[in-house]
């Protein structure tokens, strides 16, 4: 993780934000496609996500259907378990 992203989380109150963007395919509007977007953003206004969605609606052909957003305040290391045995497969 870069120092900039760590600073954003601790000082600037940024959160890792993931959005699933569901949109209509331009050539087949009855079909839906999904796109996953992930970036550090500030909840609950999500200015980075709104900027991206504004770009999408003005520059891309796929009409937006729905957006699902998940946000986590601080990324923590996963819990690990250390085992005292080692096995080798041959």
Protein backbone atom coordinates (compact mmCIF):
# COMPACT_ATOMS: atom_id res chain seq x y z
CA UNK A 1 0.00 0.00 0.00
CA UNK A 2 1.42 3.38 -0.90
CA UNK A 3 1.99 6.11 1.68
CA UNK A 4 -0.54 8.33 -0.08
CA UNK A 5 -3.32 5.77 0.29
CA UNK A 6 -2.42 5.13 3.93
CA UNK A 7 -2.46 8.86 4.65
CA UNK A 8 -5.82 9.18 2.93
CA UNK A 9 -7.28 6.49 5.21
CA UNK A 10 -5.89 7.79 8.51
CA UNK A 11 -5.89 11.55 8.03
CA UNK A 12 -8.31 12.42 5.24
CA UNK A 13 -11.01 9.87 6.22
CA UNK A 14 -11.00 8.06 2.87
CA UNK A 15 -12.41 4.54 2.66
CA UNK A 16 -11.88 1.74 0.20
CA UNK A 17 -15.06 1.88 -1.86
CA UNK A 18 -16.27 -0.78 -4.27
CA UNK A 19 -19.18 -0.22 -6.61
CA UNK A 20 -20.90 -2.72 -8.87
CA UNK A 21 -22.26 -0.75 -11.80
CA UNK A 22 -24.99 -2.53 -13.75
CA UNK A 23 -25.67 -1.08 -17.19
CA UNK A 24 -27.52 -1.85 -20.43
CA UNK A 25 -25.40 -3.08 -23.33
CA UNK A 26 -25.43 -0.41 -26.06
CA UNK A 27 -26.17 -2.84 -28.94
CA UNK A 28 -28.59 -5.02 -26.94
CA UNK A 29 -30.34 -2.73 -24.42
CA UNK A 30 -32.44 -5.60 -23.02
CA UNK A 31 -29.24 -7.26 -21.72
CA UNK A 32 -27.42 -6.11 -18.59
CA UNK A 33 -23.69 -6.14 -17.94
CA UNK A 34 -21.87 -5.43 -14.70
CA UNK A 35 -18.66 -3.47 -14.09
CA UNK A 36 -16.71 -3.37 -10.81
CA UNK A 37 -15.17 -0.02 -9.82
CA UNK A 38 -12.85 0.33 -6.80
CA UNK A 39 -11.15 3.44 -5.44
CA UNK A 40 -10.52 5.31 -2.20
CA UNK A 41 -13.42 7.68 -1.58
CA UNK A 42 -15.13 9.67 1.19
CA UNK A 43 -18.44 8.28 2.51
CA UNK A 44 -21.33 9.13 2.43
CA UNK A 45 -21.05 11.63 -0.45
CA UNK A 46 -18.59 9.55 -2.55
CA UNK A 47 -17.19 12.40 -4.71
CA UNK A 48 -14.81 10.12 -6.66
CA UNK A 49 -17.60 7.68 -7.52
CA UNK A 50 -19.90 10.54 -8.53
CA UNK A 51 -17.18 11.97 -10.76
CA UNK A 52 -16.75 8.56 -12.41
CA UNK A 53 -20.52 8.13 -12.90
CA UNK A 54 -20.76 11.62 -14.38
CA UNK A 55 -17.98 10.70 -16.84
CA UNK A 56 -19.82 7.43 -17.63
CA UNK A 57 -23.15 9.09 -18.34
CA UNK A 58 -21.58 11.75 -20.62
CA UNK A 59 -18.99 9.68 -22.51
CA UNK A 60 -20.06 6.03 -22.63
CA UNK A 61 -22.97 4.49 -24.50
CA UNK A 62 -24.17 1.98 -21.88
CA UNK A 63 -27.18 3.44 -20.02
CA UNK A 64 -26.87 2.95 -16.25
CA UNK A 65 -29.32 0.54 -14.65
CA UNK A 66 -28.26 0.32 -10.99
CA UNK A 67 -25.28 0.83 -8.70
CA UNK A 68 -24.43 -1.15 -5.57
CA UNK A 69 -21.87 0.42 -3.21
CA UNK A 70 -19.81 -1.12 -0.39
CA UNK A 71 -17.35 0.84 1.72
CA UNK A 72 -14.85 -0.15 4.42
CA UNK A 73 -13.39 2.50 6.74
CA UNK A 74 -9.93 0.99 7.31
CA UNK A 75 -8.23 -1.91 5.59
CA UNK A 76 -6.89 -4.26 8.23
CA UNK A 77 -4.57 -7.22 7.80
CA UNK A 78 -6.29 -10.57 7.60
CA UNK A 79 -6.16 -12.82 10.60
CA UNK A 80 -3.43 -15.40 10.16
CA UNK A 81 -2.78 -18.69 11.88
CA UNK A 82 0.71 -20.13 12.22
CA UNK A 83 1.10 -23.87 12.26
CA UNK A 84 4.12 -25.66 13.72
CA UNK A 85 4.16 -28.43 11.13
CA UNK A 86 5.26 -28.58 7.54
CA UNK A 87 4.14 -31.21 5.04
CA UNK A 88 5.79 -32.05 1.74
CA UNK A 89 3.89 -33.77 -1.08
CA UNK A 90 5.86 -35.90 -3.49
